Amino acid sequence: MNKKIFILLFLLGCNKGDHSNDLGQSIKDDAKTGVNTSSSEFSENNTSTSDHQKDSSVAHSEDVDKVVGVEGKDNMNNTHLQNLEINDIKAGTGVAVEAGDRVYVEYTGSLSNDSVFDSNMNNGKQPFGFNVGAGEVIEGWDKGLLGMKEGGMRSLKIPSSLGYGAAGAGGVIPPNADLKFDVKLLKVVKRSDNFDLISEDIIEGTGKEAVKGKSVTVHYKGTFINGVKFDASYDRDEPFTIKLGENRVIAGWEQGLLGMKAGGKRKLIIPPHLGYGTRGAGSIAPGQILVFEIELLEVKN
């Protein structure tokens, strides 16, 4: 296995999946098999700091008091947590991260000699999403992103005790290695949020209306929330036809196409539970927010 991929999987606490490179095939496979995923975007695990993490306290940050309160602040006496360095390169203006939130980020990870061992930033890769405080990532991430605001960019210098410790990882991260991450926070989803489908008409059509029971032919482009394209029917010059109401595509499409008129173009922002949920699809990792621009070409009886 490619060493960078191994490190990414090790860092994220994910299982290796069987990913293809063509979501168009994934959409078609769903149409063929009648699969419709509607699983929650959040982990079923308790997202407060869990027993298997190394410590229950929170690293220093100007926003720590707001996030964990006095009790959490009183726990910050361990040397290894004091050594977690946080520097906001760009202050965000959106929602602040708290334990229990789901976040989507881009990042670059490097060793103390500045050699990069992994990155999904500015290289055409999808964002990484995880539940903060659930032990899905190294503790330096769980602690270091608290208080960060959506739209911000943060540098984390993580001591080995909050990274991979004496074991290292994958032959790429040496034992007892301190790590540096530059992290861009794209999206924060609160556990309490009713994050549902967002629909915006770019062009209003004037033809027949898309309703349940009708067959519709569309062109589409799909991207992640960082703008990276994962599929487009335009690239294949191959429009896609489905019959609405048969649940043979993701729920976000079934709901989002209703009411469109032929000749129109619509943007859909689809949360994971209306997309591919916790299983992912093809090259799409589990839990991704999807953005589609869909052009309705024809509505048939």
C-alpha atoms as a PDB file:
ATOM      1  CA  MET A   1       0.000   0.000   0.000  1.00  0.00           C
ATOM      2  CA  ASN A   2       1.183   3.547  -0.726  1.00  0.00           C
ATOM      3  CA  LYS A   3       2.723   4.884   2.486  1.00  0.00           C
ATOM      4  CA  LYS A   4       0.836   8.193   2.343  1.00  0.00           C
ATOM      5  CA  ILE A   5      -2.473   6.399   2.056  1.00  0.00           C
ATOM      6  CA  PHE A   6      -1.559   4.163   4.979  1.00  0.00           C
ATOM      7  CA  ILE A   7      -0.771   7.172   7.159  1.00  0.00           C
ATOM      8  CA  LEU A   8      -4.010   8.893   6.222  1.00  0.00           C
ATOM      9  CA  LEU A   9      -6.037   5.833   7.131  1.00  0.00           C
ATOM     10  CA  PHE A  10      -4.103   5.392  10.365  1.00  0.00           C
ATOM     11  CA  LEU A  11      -4.610   9.038  11.294  1.00  0.00           C
ATOM     12  CA  LEU A  12      -8.279   9.097  10.562  1.00  0.00           C
ATOM     13  CA  GLY A  13      -9.159   5.814  12.205  1.00  0.00           C
ATOM     14  CA  CYS A  14     -10.967   4.689   9.052  1.00  0.00           C
ATOM     15  CA  ASN A  15     -11.242   1.277   7.479  1.00  0.00           C
ATOM     16  CA  LYS A  16      -9.890   0.844   4.007  1.00  0.00           C
ATOM     17  CA  GLY A  17     -12.741   0.847   1.482  1.00  0.00           C
ATOM     18  CA  ASP A  18     -13.124  -0.379  -2.055  1.00  0.00           C
ATOM     19  CA  HIS A  19     -13.139   2.898  -3.947  1.00  0.00           C
ATOM     20  CA  SER A  20     -13.487   3.394  -7.664  1.00  0.00           C
ATOM     21  CA  ASN A  21     -12.853   6.650  -9.510  1.00  0.00           C
ATOM     22  CA  ASP A  22     -16.217   7.122 -11.203  1.00  0.00           C
ATOM     23  CA  LEU A  23     -19.209   8.294  -9.221  1.00  0.00           C
ATOM     24  CA  GLY A  24     -21.254   8.204 -12.392  1.00  0.00           C
ATOM     25  CA  GLN A  25     -20.977   4.458 -12.159  1.00  0.00           C
ATOM     26  CA  SER A  26     -21.924   4.649  -8.466  1.00  0.00           C
ATOM     27  CA  ILE A  27     -25.087   6.606  -9.265  1.00  0.00           C
ATOM     28  CA  LYS A  28     -25.941   4.149 -12.010  1.00  0.00           C
ATOM     29  CA  ASP A  29     -25.260   1.190  -9.735  1.00  0.00           C
ATOM     30  CA  ASP A  30     -27.711   2.633  -7.228  1.00  0.00           C
ATOM     31  CA  ALA A  31     -30.258   3.044  -9.998  1.00  0.00           C
ATOM     32  CA  LYS A  32     -29.771  -0.590 -11.009  1.00  0.00           C
ATOM     33  CA  THR A  33     -29.913  -2.076  -7.540  1.00  0.00           C
ATOM     34  CA  GLY A  34     -32.490   0.214  -5.953  1.00  0.00           C
ATOM     35  CA  VAL A  35     -30.142   1.162  -3.106  1.00  0.00           C
ATOM     36  CA  ASN A  36     -31.111   4.248  -1.122  1.00  0.00           C
ATOM     37  CA  THR A  37     -28.884   5.215   1.800  1.00  0.00           C
ATOM     38  CA  SER A  38     -30.413   7.204   4.657  1.00  0.00           C
ATOM     39  CA  SER A  39     -27.983   6.748   7.542  1.00  0.00           C
ATOM     40  CA  SER A  40     -27.036   9.455  10.026  1.00  0.00           C
ATOM     41  CA  GLU A  41     -24.006  11.635   9.402  1.00  0.00           C
ATOM     42  CA  PHE A  42     -23.010  11.337  13.067  1.00  0.00           C
ATOM     43  CA  SER A  43     -21.269   8.469  14.817  1.00  0.00           C
ATOM     44  CA  GLU A  44     -23.347   6.496  17.269  1.00  0.00           C
ATOM     45  CA  ASN A  45     -20.466   6.752  19.736  1.00  0.00           C
ATOM     46  CA  ASN A  46     -20.679   9.200  22.616  1.00  0.00           C
ATOM     47  CA  THR A  47     -18.854  12.226  21.253  1.00  0.00           C
ATOM     48  CA  SER A  48     -17.646  13.464  24.615  1.00  0.00           C
ATOM     49  CA  THR A  49     -14.002  12.640  25.294  1.00  0.00           C
ATOM     50  CA  SER A  50     -13.882   8.839  25.484  1.00  0.00           C
ATOM     51  CA  ASP A  51     -12.090   6.440  27.846  1.00  0.00           C
ATOM     52  CA  HIS A  52      -9.653   5.239  25.207  1.00  0.00           C
ATOM     53  CA  GLN A  53      -8.197   8.709  24.704  1.00  0.00           C
ATOM     54  CA  LYS A  54      -5.017   9.583  26.613  1.00  0.00           C
ATOM     55  CA  ASP A  55      -6.432  12.467  28.640  1.00  0.00           C
ATOM     56  CA  SER A  56      -9.747  14.223  29.192  1.00  0.00           C
ATOM     57  CA  SER A  57      -8.441  17.784  29.314  1.00  0.00           C
ATOM     58  CA  VAL A  58      -8.319  20.431  26.615  1.00  0.00           C
ATOM     59  CA  ALA A  59      -5.380  22.285  25.099  1.00  0.00           C
ATOM     60  CA  HIS A  60      -4.798  26.016  25.528  1.00  0.00           C
ATOM     61  CA  SER A  61      -6.788  28.308  23.222  1.00  0.00           C
ATOM     62  CA  GLU A  62      -8.494  31.670  23.606  1.00  0.00           C
ATOM     63  CA  ASP A  63     -11.827  29.930  23.027  1.00  0.00           C
ATOM     64  CA  VAL A  64     -11.272  27.039  25.449  1.00  0.00           C
ATOM     65  CA  ASP A  65     -13.217  28.680  28.283  1.00  0.00           C
ATOM     66  CA  LYS A  66     -16.222  29.026  25.999  1.00  0.00           C
ATOM     67  CA  VAL A  67     -15.986  25.420  24.858  1.00  0.00           C
ATOM     68  CA  VAL A  68     -15.249  23.446  28.023  1.00  0.00           C
ATOM     69  CA  GLY A  69     -15.964  25.866  30.867  1.00  0.00           C
ATOM     70  CA  VAL A  70     -14.087  26.105  34.153  1.00  0.00           C
ATOM     71  CA  GLU A  71     -14.102  22.373  34.880  1.00  0.00           C
ATOM     72  CA  GLY A  72     -12.428  21.558  31.575  1.00  0.00           C
ATOM     73  CA  LYS A  73      -9.900  24.339  32.072  1.00  0.00           C
ATOM     74  CA  ASP A  74      -8.931  22.986  35.498  1.00  0.00           C
ATOM     75  CA  ASN A  75      -7.876  19.718  33.858  1.00  0.00           C
ATOM     76  CA  MET A  76      -5.168  21.340  31.708  1.00  0.00           C
ATOM     77  CA  ASN A  77      -2.184  20.661  33.954  1.00  0.00           C
ATOM     78  CA  ASN A  78      -0.542  17.762  32.119  1.00  0.00           C
ATOM     79  CA  THR A  79       2.775  18.638  30.495  1.00  0.00           C
ATOM     80  CA  HIS A  80       2.012  16.971  27.182  1.00  0.00           C
ATOM     81  CA  LEU A  81      -1.150  19.041  26.762  1.00  0.00           C
ATOM     82  CA  GLN A  82       0.673  22.222  27.741  1.00  0.00           C
ATOM     83  CA  ASN A  83       3.034  21.429  24.835  1.00  0.00           C
ATOM     84  CA  LEU A  84       0.250  21.431  22.240  1.00  0.00           C
ATOM     85  CA  GLU A  85       0.851  24.669  20.318  1.00  0.00           C
ATOM     86  CA  ILE A  86      -2.084  26.342  18.571  1.00  0.00           C
ATOM     87  CA  ASN A  87      -1.713  29.262  16.183  1.00  0.00           C
ATOM     88  CA  ASP A  88      -4.584  30.721  14.195  1.00  0.00           C
ATOM     89  CA  ILE A  89      -3.155  31.654  10.794  1.00  0.00           C
ATOM     90  CA  LYS A  90      -6.538  33.023   9.748  1.00  0.00           C
ATOM     91  CA  ALA A  91      -9.360  33.601  12.184  1.00  0.00           C
ATOM     92  CA  GLY A  92     -12.663  32.147  11.059  1.00  0.00           C
ATOM     93  CA  THR A  93     -15.943  34.013  11.302  1.00  0.00           C
ATOM     94  CA  GLY A  94     -18.386  31.120  11.429  1.00  0.00           C
ATOM     95  CA  VAL A  95     -19.491  28.588  14.020  1.00  0.00           C
ATOM     96  CA  ALA A  96     -16.946  27.542  16.690  1.00  0.00           C
ATOM     97  CA  VAL A  97     -16.022  23.884  17.167  1.00  0.00           C
ATOM     98  CA  GLU A  98     -17.154  22.093  20.310  1.00  0.00           C
ATOM     99  CA  ALA A  99     -16.799  18.477  21.370  1.00  0.00           C
ATOM    100  CA  GLY A 100     -19.550  16.480  19.679  1.00  0.00           C
ATOM    101  CA  ASP A 101     -19.558  18.516  16.459  1.00  0.00           C
ATOM    102  CA  ARG A 102     -18.869  16.986  13.069  1.00  0.00           C
ATOM    103  CA  VAL A 103     -16.262  18.951  11.142  1.00  0.00           C
ATOM    104  CA  TYR A 104     -14.972  18.918   7.567  1.00  0.00           C
ATOM    105  CA  VAL A 105     -11.382  19.996   6.991  1.00  0.00           C
ATOM    106  CA  GLU A 106      -8.488  20.203   4.599  1.00  0.00           C
ATOM    107  CA  TYR A 107      -5.027  19.671   6.066  1.00  0.00           C
ATOM    108  CA  THR A 108      -1.313  19.204   5.480  1.00  0.00           C
ATOM    109  CA  GLY A 109       0.751  17.136   7.917  1.00  0.00           C
ATOM    110  CA  SER A 110       4.525  17.428   8.266  1.00  0.00           C
ATOM    111  CA  LEU A 111       7.342  16.300  10.537  1.00  0.00           C
ATOM    112  CA  SER A 112       9.546  18.635  12.569  1.00  0.00           C
ATOM    113  CA  ASN A 113      11.957  18.834   9.594  1.00  0.00           C
ATOM    114  CA  ASP A 114       9.058  20.173   7.468  1.00  0.00           C
ATOM    115  CA  SER A 115       8.844  17.041   5.288  1.00  0.00           C
ATOM    116  CA  VAL A 116       5.187  16.493   4.336  1.00  0.00           C
ATOM    117  CA  PHE A 117       3.805  13.011   5.017  1.00  0.00           C
ATOM    118  CA  ASP A 118       0.177  13.586   4.048  1.00  0.00           C
ATOM    119  CA  SER A 119      -2.157  16.249   2.665  1.00  0.00           C
ATOM    120  CA  ASN A 120      -5.596  16.663   1.137  1.00  0.00           C
ATOM    121  CA  MET A 121      -5.163  20.397   0.583  1.00  0.00           C
ATOM    122  CA  ASN A 122      -5.113  21.980  -2.888  1.00  0.00           C
ATOM    123  CA  ASN A 123      -4.530  18.658  -4.618  1.00  0.00           C
ATOM    124  CA  GLY A 124      -7.959  17.628  -5.851  1.00  0.00           C
ATOM    125  CA  LYS A 125      -8.822  15.457  -2.862  1.00  0.00           C
ATOM    126  CA  GLN A 126     -12.056  15.413  -0.895  1.00  0.00           C
ATOM    127  CA  PRO A 127     -12.414  16.996   2.547  1.00  0.00           C
ATOM    128  CA  PHE A 128     -11.989  14.873   5.633  1.00  0.00           C
ATOM    129  CA  GLY A 129     -14.923  14.694   8.033  1.00  0.00           C
ATOM    130  CA  PHE A 130     -14.891  13.408  11.602  1.00  0.00           C
ATOM    131  CA  ASN A 131     -16.674  13.732  14.939  1.00  0.00           C
ATOM    132  CA  VAL A 132     -14.685  15.873  17.372  1.00  0.00           C
ATOM    133  CA  GLY A 133     -13.934  14.232  20.699  1.00  0.00           C
ATOM    134  CA  ALA A 134     -14.969  10.738  19.604  1.00  0.00           C
ATOM    135  CA  GLY A 135     -11.445   9.342  19.364  1.00  0.00           C
ATOM    136  CA  GLU A 136     -11.624   8.983  15.581  1.00  0.00           C
ATOM    137  CA  VAL A 137      -8.377  10.937  15.124  1.00  0.00           C
ATOM    138  CA  ILE A 138      -5.188  11.498  17.123  1.00  0.00           C
ATOM    139  CA  GLU A 139      -5.741  13.371  20.370  1.00  0.00           C
ATOM    140  CA  GLY A 140      -3.830  16.418  19.148  1.00  0.00           C
ATOM    141  CA  TRP A 141      -6.580  16.945  16.575  1.00  0.00           C
ATOM    142  CA  ASP A 142      -9.445  16.319  18.983  1.00  0.00           C
ATOM    143  CA  LYS A 143      -7.989  18.891  21.372  1.00  0.00           C
ATOM    144  CA  GLY A 144      -6.435  21.289  18.887  1.00  0.00           C
ATOM    145  CA  LEU A 145      -9.530  22.077  16.836  1.00  0.00           C
ATOM    146  CA  LEU A 146     -11.700  23.055  19.806  1.00  0.00           C
ATOM    147  CA  GLY A 147     -12.733  26.697  19.591  1.00  0.00           C
ATOM    148  CA  MET A 148     -11.685  27.026  15.943  1.00  0.00           C
ATOM    149  CA  LYS A 149     -14.252  28.850  13.814  1.00  0.00           C
ATOM    150  CA  GLU A 150     -15.618  27.901  10.420  1.00  0.00           C
ATOM    151  CA  GLY A 151     -13.610  29.468   7.600  1.00  0.00           C
ATOM    152  CA  GLY A 152     -10.449  29.641   9.689  1.00  0.00           C
ATOM    153  CA  MET A 153      -6.947  28.252   9.173  1.00  0.00           C
ATOM    154  CA  ARG A 154      -5.029  26.877  12.159  1.00  0.00           C
ATOM    155  CA  SER A 155      -1.518  25.548  12.711  1.00  0.00           C
ATOM    156  CA  LEU A 156      -1.099  22.749  15.266  1.00  0.00           C
ATOM    157  CA  LYS A 157       2.260  21.657  16.674  1.00  0.00           C
ATOM    158  CA  ILE A 158       1.474  18.312  18.280  1.00  0.00           C
ATOM    159  CA  PRO A 159       3.824  16.560  20.711  1.00  0.00           C
ATOM    160  CA  SER A 160       4.311  12.857  20.117  1.00  0.00           C
ATOM    161  CA  SER A 161       2.307  12.069  23.271  1.00  0.00           C
ATOM    162  CA  LEU A 162      -0.759  13.484  21.500  1.00  0.00           C
ATOM    163  CA  GLY A 163       0.191  11.903  18.165  1.00  0.00           C
ATOM    164  CA  TYR A 164       1.606   8.424  17.568  1.00  0.00           C
ATOM    165  CA  GLY A 165       3.886   8.220  20.613  1.00  0.00           C
ATOM    166  CA  ALA A 166       6.703   5.711  20.868  1.00  0.00           C
ATOM    167  CA  ALA A 167       5.206   3.446  18.210  1.00  0.00           C
ATOM    168  CA  GLY A 168       5.285   5.921  15.320  1.00  0.00           C
ATOM    169  CA  ALA A 169       3.195   4.995  12.287  1.00  0.00           C
ATOM    170  CA  GLY A 170       3.643   3.152   9.018  1.00  0.00           C
ATOM    171  CA  GLY A 171       7.394   3.587   8.770  1.00  0.00           C
ATOM    172  CA  VAL A 172       6.810   7.202   7.736  1.00  0.00           C
ATOM    173  CA  ILE A 173       6.221   8.825  11.132  1.00  0.00           C
ATOM    174  CA  PRO A 174       9.169   7.910  13.359  1.00  0.00           C
ATOM    175  CA  PRO A 175       8.784   6.956  17.021  1.00  0.00           C
ATOM    176  CA  ASN A 176       8.361   9.909  19.389  1.00  0.00           C
ATOM    177  CA  ALA A 177       7.917  12.307  16.456  1.00  0.00           C
ATOM    178  CA  ASP A 178       6.377  15.715  17.023  1.00  0.00           C
ATOM    179  CA  LEU A 179       4.004  16.690  14.215  1.00  0.00           C
ATOM    180  CA  LYS A 180       2.772  19.866  12.566  1.00  0.00           C
ATOM    181  CA  PHE A 181      -0.596  20.238  10.850  1.00  0.00           C
ATOM    182  CA  ASP A 182      -2.039  23.169   8.954  1.00  0.00           C
ATOM    183  CA  VAL A 183      -5.820  22.734   9.098  1.00  0.00           C
ATOM    184  CA  LYS A 184      -8.478  24.642   7.157  1.00  0.00           C
ATOM    185  CA  LEU A 185     -11.950  24.368   8.672  1.00  0.00           C
ATOM    186  CA  LEU A 186     -14.540  24.152   5.900  1.00  0.00           C
ATOM    187  CA  LYS A 187     -17.735  23.230   7.731  1.00  0.00           C
ATOM    188  CA  VAL A 188     -19.035  22.667  11.262  1.00  0.00           C
ATOM    189  CA  VAL A 189     -22.220  20.653  11.769  1.00  0.00           C
ATOM    190  CA  LYS A 190     -23.646  20.819  15.267  1.00  0.00           C
ATOM    191  CA  ARG A 191     -25.169  17.664  16.702  1.00  0.00           C
ATOM    192  CA  SER A 192     -28.295  19.686  17.446  1.00  0.00           C
ATOM    193  CA  ASP A 193     -28.510  21.106  13.918  1.00  0.00           C
ATOM    194  CA  ASN A 194     -31.392  20.070  11.709  1.00  0.00           C
ATOM    195  CA  PHE A 195     -29.078  19.965   8.704  1.00  0.00           C
ATOM    196  CA  ASP A 196     -31.339  19.179   5.800  1.00  0.00           C
ATOM    197  CA  LEU A 197     -31.328  19.500   2.030  1.00  0.00           C
ATOM    198  CA  ILE A 198     -30.541  22.989   0.705  1.00  0.00           C
ATOM    199  CA  SER A 199     -31.957  23.820  -2.716  1.00  0.00           C
ATOM    200  CA  GLU A 200     -31.311  26.889  -4.866  1.00  0.00           C
ATOM    201  CA  ASP A 201     -32.639  27.550  -8.366  1.00  0.00           C
ATOM    202  CA  ILE A 202     -29.880  28.965 -10.554  1.00  0.00           C
ATOM    203  CA  ILE A 203     -32.144  29.094 -13.610  1.00  0.00           C
ATOM    204  CA  GLU A 204     -35.908  28.630 -13.402  1.00  0.00           C
ATOM    205  CA  GLY A 205     -37.235  26.381 -16.131  1.00  0.00           C
ATOM    206  CA  THR A 206     -40.403  26.997 -18.149  1.00  0.00           C
ATOM    207  CA  GLY A 207     -41.198  23.466 -19.351  1.00  0.00           C
ATOM    208  CA  LYS A 208     -42.874  20.444 -17.772  1.00  0.00           C
ATOM    209  CA  GLU A 209     -42.586  20.031 -14.019  1.00  0.00           C
ATOM    210  CA  ALA A 210     -40.726  17.151 -12.388  1.00  0.00           C
ATOM    211  CA  VAL A 211     -43.128  15.209 -10.138  1.00  0.00           C
ATOM    212  CA  LYS A 212     -43.228  11.697  -8.719  1.00  0.00           C
ATOM    213  CA  GLY A 213     -43.932   9.085 -11.384  1.00  0.00           C
ATOM    214  CA  LYS A 214     -42.319  11.121 -14.171  1.00  0.00           C
ATOM    215  CA  SER A 215     -39.068  10.224 -15.881  1.00  0.00           C
ATOM    216  CA  VAL A 216     -36.508  13.025 -15.960  1.00  0.00           C
ATOM    217  CA  THR A 217     -33.341  13.405 -18.004  1.00  0.00           C
ATOM    218  CA  VAL A 218     -30.607  15.557 -16.493  1.00  0.00           C
ATOM    219  CA  HIS A 219     -27.037  16.680 -16.824  1.00  0.00           C
ATOM    220  CA  TYR A 220     -25.173  17.168 -13.555  1.00  0.00           C
ATOM    221  CA  LYS A 221     -21.896  18.069 -11.882  1.00  0.00           C
ATOM    222  CA  GLY A 222     -21.060  16.817  -8.392  1.00  0.00           C
ATOM    223  CA  THR A 223     -18.480  18.388  -6.084  1.00  0.00           C
ATOM    224  CA  PHE A 224     -17.432  18.203  -2.448  1.00  0.00           C
ATOM    225  CA  ILE A 225     -17.784  21.279  -0.236  1.00  0.00           C
ATOM    226  CA  ASN A 226     -14.204  22.284  -1.061  1.00  0.00           C
ATOM    227  CA  GLY A 227     -15.161  22.544  -4.749  1.00  0.00           C
ATOM    228  CA  VAL A 228     -13.320  19.394  -5.852  1.00  0.00           C
ATOM    229  CA  LYS A 229     -15.290  17.644  -8.604  1.00  0.00           C
ATOM    230  CA  PHE A 230     -15.957  13.934  -8.178  1.00  0.00           C
ATOM    231  CA  ASP A 231     -18.206  13.344 -11.170  1.00  0.00           C
ATOM    232  CA  ALA A 232     -20.009  15.077 -14.050  1.00  0.00           C
ATOM    233  CA  SER A 233     -22.244  13.720 -16.776  1.00  0.00           C
ATOM    234  CA  TYR A 234     -21.088  16.668 -18.911  1.00  0.00           C
ATOM    235  CA  ASP A 235     -17.589  15.163 -19.040  1.00  0.00           C
ATOM    236  CA  ARG A 236     -18.980  11.988 -20.618  1.00  0.00           C
ATOM    237  CA  ASP A 237     -21.556  13.829 -22.744  1.00  0.00           C
ATOM    238  CA  GLU A 238     -23.989  11.330 -21.279  1.00  0.00           C
ATOM    239  CA  PRO A 239     -27.229  12.646 -19.699  1.00  0.00           C
ATOM    240  CA  PHE A 240     -28.743  10.590 -16.887  1.00  0.00           C
ATOM    241  CA  THR A 241     -32.406   9.451 -16.815  1.00  0.00           C
ATOM    242  CA  ILE A 242     -34.355   8.330 -13.734  1.00  0.00           C
ATOM    243  CA  LYS A 243     -37.987   7.861 -12.774  1.00  0.00           C
ATOM    244  CA  LEU A 244     -38.862   9.904  -9.702  1.00  0.00           C
ATOM    245  CA  GLY A 245     -40.478   8.162  -6.777  1.00  0.00           C
ATOM    246  CA  GLU A 246     -38.823   4.776  -7.250  1.00  0.00           C
ATOM    247  CA  ASN A 247     -36.027   5.523  -4.747  1.00  0.00           C
ATOM    248  CA  ARG A 248     -33.378   4.255  -7.106  1.00  0.00           C
ATOM    249  CA  VAL A 249     -31.042   7.199  -6.467  1.00  0.00           C
ATOM    250  CA  ILE A 250     -29.959   8.989  -3.293  1.00  0.00           C
ATOM    251  CA  ALA A 251     -32.730  10.661  -1.309  1.00  0.00           C
ATOM    252  CA  GLY A 252     -31.207  14.099  -1.883  1.00  0.00           C
ATOM    253  CA  TRP A 253     -31.864  13.708  -5.593  1.00  0.00           C
ATOM    254  CA  GLU A 254     -35.367  12.320  -5.129  1.00  0.00           C
ATOM    255  CA  GLN A 255     -36.322  15.291  -2.950  1.00  0.00           C
ATOM    256  CA  GLY A 256     -34.242  17.926  -4.709  1.00  0.00           C
ATOM    257  CA  LEU A 257     -35.521  17.376  -8.234  1.00  0.00           C
ATOM    258  CA  LEU A 258     -39.192  17.686  -7.323  1.00  0.00           C
ATOM    259  CA  GLY A 259     -40.744  20.903  -8.590  1.00  0.00           C
ATOM    260  CA  MET A 260     -38.033  21.642 -11.141  1.00  0.00           C
ATOM    261  CA  LYS A 261     -39.185  22.504 -14.634  1.00  0.00           C
ATOM    262  CA  ALA A 262     -37.550  21.486 -17.884  1.00  0.00           C
ATOM    263  CA  GLY A 263     -34.918  24.005 -18.922  1.00  0.00           C
ATOM    264  CA  GLY A 264     -34.078  24.824 -15.322  1.00  0.00           C
ATOM    265  CA  LYS A 265     -30.853  24.460 -13.376  1.00  0.00           C
ATOM    266  CA  ARG A 266     -30.718  23.807  -9.607  1.00  0.00           C
ATOM    267  CA  LYS A 267     -28.006  23.616  -6.968  1.00  0.00           C
ATOM    268  CA  LEU A 268     -28.429  21.010  -4.227  1.00  0.00           C
ATOM    269  CA  ILE A 269     -26.375  20.803  -1.034  1.00  0.00           C
ATOM    270  CA  ILE A 270     -27.003  17.293   0.268  1.00  0.00           C
ATOM    271  CA  PRO A 271     -26.202  16.246   3.857  1.00  0.00           C
ATOM    272  CA  PRO A 272     -24.749  12.766   4.386  1.00  0.00           C
ATOM    273  CA  HIS A 273     -27.993  11.180   5.601  1.00  0.00           C
ATOM    274  CA  LEU A 274     -29.611  12.109   2.263  1.00  0.00           C
ATOM    275  CA  GLY A 275     -26.533  11.095   0.276  1.00  0.00           C
ATOM    276  CA  TYR A 276     -24.289   8.085   0.790  1.00  0.00           C
ATOM    277  CA  GLY A 277     -24.334   8.204   4.590  1.00  0.00           C
ATOM    278  CA  THR A 278     -21.835   6.124   6.521  1.00  0.00           C
ATOM    279  CA  ARG A 279     -21.094   3.676   3.695  1.00  0.00           C
ATOM    280  CA  GLY A 280     -19.822   6.115   1.067  1.00  0.00           C
ATOM    281  CA  ALA A 281     -19.865   5.202  -2.624  1.00  0.00           C
ATOM    282  CA  GLY A 282     -17.096   4.631  -5.127  1.00  0.00           C
ATOM    283  CA  SER A 283     -14.501   7.342  -4.564  1.00  0.00           C
ATOM    284  CA  ILE A 284     -16.736   9.171  -2.049  1.00  0.00           C
ATOM    285  CA  ALA A 285     -15.721   8.628   1.565  1.00  0.00           C
ATOM    286  CA  PRO A 286     -18.390   8.003   4.219  1.00  0.00           C
ATOM    287  CA  GLY A 287     -20.091  11.051   5.721  1.00  0.00           C
ATOM    288  CA  GLN A 288     -19.430  13.509   2.901  1.00  0.00           C
ATOM    289  CA  ILE A 289     -21.604  16.547   2.176  1.00  0.00           C
ATOM    290  CA  LEU A 290     -22.303  16.608  -1.561  1.00  0.00           C
ATOM    291  CA  VAL A 291     -22.975  19.576  -3.849  1.00  0.00           C
ATOM    292  CA  PHE A 292     -24.742  19.018  -7.162  1.00  0.00           C
ATOM    293  CA  GLU A 293     -25.613  21.393  -9.966  1.00  0.00           C
ATOM    294  CA  ILE A 294     -28.368  19.706 -11.979  1.00  0.00           C
ATOM    295  CA  GLU A 295     -29.738  20.804 -15.359  1.00  0.00           C
ATOM    296  CA  LEU A 296     -33.180  19.393 -16.152  1.00  0.00           C
ATOM    297  CA  LEU A 297     -33.253  18.598 -19.864  1.00  0.00           C
ATOM    298  CA  GLU A 298     -36.556  16.752 -20.243  1.00  0.00           C
ATOM    299  CA  VAL A 299     -39.580  15.491 -18.328  1.00  0.00           C
ATOM    300  CA  LYS A 300     -41.475  12.503 -19.724  1.00  0.00           C
ATOM    301  CA  ASN A 301     -44.692  10.773 -18.676  1.00  0.00           C
END
